[in-house]
Amino acid sequence: MTRLEIIRKTSVAYQEILHKIETRRNTWKNDTRNLILEQLNEVQREVTLNWYVDTDNYLENREVIFLSFNSSPSGIKTVLHEEAEQETDFRHYVKKGGALLYSQLSDSRVYVSIQYPEIVELKDCGEPKHLDSFEPEELTSDIILHHVQEFLEEMIHWEQNVKDIPGFRIVT
């Protein structure tokens, strides 16, 4: 086989990949996106927690759909004045998020991950946890519910096992 014949054969494989990506994008737009939104919205309605469903679609074909906890008090506060008596004498730290994310990858596969909460200025949210990657047509309601269960289990683990460094600060 000549080099040109190999290039022709390889170009066919390349065109097939481009076609597969376009097929995935259409499946996402026409089916998968709606399935994820419907299932996450149902969970959000049926399970009473301080969470919401939203999308980030500022990049076409790189959309993210997520179930996220709202910001809430962390329970940690800094004393602003030595004689702190009122709530205004404290600075309260906020715990932000914790989210289950469904993202389109560049090749339009669906990437599923968990983003951990963050207590700004005290505890970085760290690296997301990758759960799985799917062809858009492989995703089902049952798989989505399984991801929500995994997400809640990870949040329980995070709440009970935050790896803070204990200590104190000497004020001079």
Protein backbone atom coordinates (compact mmCIF):
# COMPACT_ATOMS: atom_id res chain seq x y z
CA MET A 1 0.00 0.00 0.00
CA THR A 2 1.37 3.39 -0.94
CA ARG A 3 1.62 6.30 1.44
CA LEU A 4 -1.15 8.11 -0.50
CA GLU A 5 -3.47 5.09 -0.14
CA ILE A 6 -2.80 5.06 3.60
CA ILE A 7 -3.62 8.77 3.77
CA ARG A 8 -6.88 8.21 1.87
CA LYS A 9 -7.83 5.39 4.24
CA THR A 10 -6.94 7.50 7.28
CA SER A 11 -8.96 10.42 5.90
CA VAL A 12 -12.05 8.18 5.81
CA ALA A 13 -11.53 7.32 9.49
CA TYR A 14 -11.18 11.04 10.24
CA GLN A 15 -14.45 11.83 8.44
CA GLU A 16 -16.20 9.07 10.40
CA ILE A 17 -15.01 10.60 13.68
CA LEU A 18 -16.28 14.04 12.65
CA HIS A 19 -19.64 12.50 11.74
CA LYS A 20 -19.80 10.70 15.12
CA ILE A 21 -19.13 13.98 16.95
CA GLU A 22 -21.93 15.69 15.00
CA THR A 23 -24.28 12.79 15.79
CA ARG A 24 -23.43 13.08 19.51
CA ARG A 25 -24.07 16.83 19.44
CA ASN A 26 -27.48 16.30 17.86
CA THR A 27 -28.36 13.58 20.37
CA TRP A 28 -27.35 15.90 23.22
CA LYS A 29 -29.43 18.80 21.86
CA ASN A 30 -32.50 16.73 20.99
CA ASP A 31 -32.60 14.10 23.77
CA THR A 32 -29.88 13.92 26.40
CA ARG A 33 -30.03 17.54 27.52
CA ASN A 34 -33.77 17.34 28.18
CA LEU A 35 -33.48 13.98 29.96
CA ILE A 36 -30.83 15.32 32.34
CA LEU A 37 -32.79 18.51 33.04
CA GLU A 38 -36.07 16.67 33.58
CA GLN A 39 -34.53 14.12 35.93
CA LEU A 40 -32.52 16.62 37.98
CA ASN A 41 -35.50 18.99 38.24
CA GLU A 42 -37.68 16.12 39.45
CA VAL A 43 -35.14 15.22 42.13
CA GLN A 44 -34.85 18.87 43.15
CA ARG A 45 -38.65 19.15 43.47
CA GLU A 46 -39.14 15.82 45.28
CA VAL A 47 -36.20 15.98 47.70
CA THR A 48 -36.24 18.98 50.01
CA LEU A 49 -32.68 20.26 50.22
CA ASN A 50 -31.16 23.69 49.69
CA TRP A 51 -30.27 23.00 46.03
CA TYR A 52 -31.15 24.02 42.49
CA VAL A 53 -30.71 22.95 38.87
CA ASP A 54 -29.14 25.22 36.28
CA THR A 55 -27.20 25.29 33.02
CA ASP A 56 -24.10 27.02 31.79
CA ASN A 57 -24.39 27.26 28.03
CA TYR A 58 -22.21 30.21 27.14
CA LEU A 59 -20.10 27.92 24.91
CA GLU A 60 -22.05 26.14 22.22
CA ASN A 61 -21.43 22.38 22.25
CA ARG A 62 -19.72 22.68 25.66
CA GLU A 63 -22.84 23.07 27.79
CA VAL A 64 -22.88 22.12 31.47
CA ILE A 65 -26.02 21.08 33.37
CA PHE A 66 -25.73 20.91 37.13
CA LEU A 67 -27.47 20.22 40.41
CA SER A 68 -25.86 22.44 43.04
CA PHE A 69 -26.30 23.36 46.65
CA ASN A 70 -26.99 27.02 47.36
CA SER A 71 -24.47 28.94 49.42
CA SER A 72 -25.09 28.60 53.13
CA PRO A 73 -23.50 29.59 56.44
CA SER A 74 -20.54 27.38 57.27
CA GLY A 75 -20.97 27.90 61.00
CA ILE A 76 -17.44 29.33 61.19
CA LYS A 77 -16.93 32.95 62.11
CA THR A 78 -14.10 35.34 62.94
CA VAL A 79 -14.30 37.67 65.91
CA LEU A 80 -13.83 41.23 64.63
CA HIS A 81 -13.73 42.98 68.01
CA GLU A 82 -12.39 41.79 71.33
CA GLU A 83 -15.68 42.47 73.03
CA ALA A 84 -17.87 40.78 70.48
CA GLU A 85 -21.47 40.72 71.60
CA GLN A 86 -23.56 41.24 68.48
CA GLU A 87 -23.60 39.37 65.17
CA THR A 88 -22.09 42.42 63.46
CA ASP A 89 -18.98 41.84 65.62
CA PHE A 90 -18.28 38.64 63.67
CA ARG A 91 -17.35 37.82 60.10
CA HIS A 92 -19.28 34.74 58.97
CA TYR A 93 -17.70 32.38 56.44
CA VAL A 94 -19.92 31.03 53.68
CA LYS A 95 -19.91 27.50 52.33
CA LYS A 96 -20.42 27.59 48.57
CA GLY A 97 -21.86 24.87 46.46
CA GLY A 98 -21.07 21.30 45.98
CA ALA A 99 -22.44 20.23 42.59
CA LEU A 100 -23.16 17.30 40.31
CA LEU A 101 -22.18 18.30 36.77
CA TYR A 102 -23.01 16.90 33.33
CA SER A 103 -20.69 18.44 30.75
CA GLN A 104 -20.29 18.08 27.03
CA LEU A 105 -16.69 17.31 26.13
CA SER A 106 -15.06 18.54 22.93
CA ASP A 107 -15.95 15.25 21.27
CA SER A 108 -19.53 15.65 22.65
CA ARG A 109 -19.36 12.71 25.01
CA VAL A 110 -21.05 13.41 28.36
CA TYR A 111 -18.64 13.87 31.28
CA VAL A 112 -20.08 13.45 34.78
CA SER A 113 -18.29 14.87 37.81
CA ILE A 114 -18.76 16.10 41.35
CA GLN A 115 -17.46 19.48 42.50
CA TYR A 116 -16.93 19.66 46.25
CA PRO A 117 -18.08 22.60 48.40
CA GLU A 118 -15.77 25.45 49.25
CA ILE A 119 -15.47 27.65 52.30
CA VAL A 120 -13.93 30.72 50.74
CA GLU A 121 -10.64 31.77 52.36
CA LEU A 122 -10.57 28.64 54.53
CA LYS A 123 -11.14 25.49 52.53
CA ASP A 124 -10.56 25.18 48.80
CA CYS A 125 -13.03 22.91 47.01
CA GLY A 126 -10.17 20.88 45.59
CA GLU A 127 -10.20 18.72 42.50
CA PRO A 128 -13.54 17.53 41.12
CA LYS A 129 -14.27 13.83 41.27
CA HIS A 130 -14.81 12.20 37.88
CA LEU A 131 -17.72 9.75 37.93
CA ASP A 132 -18.03 8.62 34.33
CA SER A 133 -18.13 9.48 30.63
CA PHE A 134 -20.95 8.43 28.33
CA GLU A 135 -22.11 8.42 24.79
CA PRO A 136 -25.13 10.76 24.94
CA GLU A 137 -27.56 7.98 24.03
CA GLU A 138 -26.27 5.74 26.86
CA LEU A 139 -27.48 8.04 29.62
CA THR A 140 -30.74 6.92 31.29
CA SER A 141 -32.92 8.19 34.12
CA ASP A 142 -31.71 5.38 36.35
CA ILE A 143 -28.05 6.28 35.72
CA ILE A 144 -28.78 9.93 36.51
CA LEU A 145 -30.50 8.95 39.78
CA HIS A 146 -27.50 6.78 40.63
CA HIS A 147 -25.24 9.82 40.07
CA VAL A 148 -27.41 11.94 42.39
CA GLN A 149 -27.12 9.24 45.05
CA GLU A 150 -23.32 9.16 44.63
CA PHE A 151 -23.25 12.95 44.81
CA LEU A 152 -25.16 13.00 48.11
CA GLU A 153 -22.93 10.27 49.54
CA GLU A 154 -19.84 12.32 48.59
CA MET A 155 -21.35 15.42 50.23
CA ILE A 156 -21.98 13.44 53.43
CA HIS A 157 -18.39 12.23 53.35
CA TRP A 158 -17.10 15.76 52.71
CA GLU A 159 -19.14 17.23 55.59
CA GLN A 160 -17.85 14.59 58.00
CA ASN A 161 -14.25 14.41 56.81
CA VAL A 162 -13.15 17.86 55.76
CA LYS A 163 -9.38 17.79 55.82
CA ASP A 164 -8.76 21.10 57.56
CA ILE A 165 -5.49 21.85 59.27
CA PRO A 166 -6.25 22.50 62.93
CA GLY A 167 -4.51 25.36 64.63
CA PHE A 168 -4.67 28.89 65.82
CA ARG A 169 -3.27 32.27 64.95
CA ILE A 170 -1.17 34.33 67.35
CA VAL A 171 -2.22 37.97 67.27
CA THR A 172 0.58 40.36 68.17
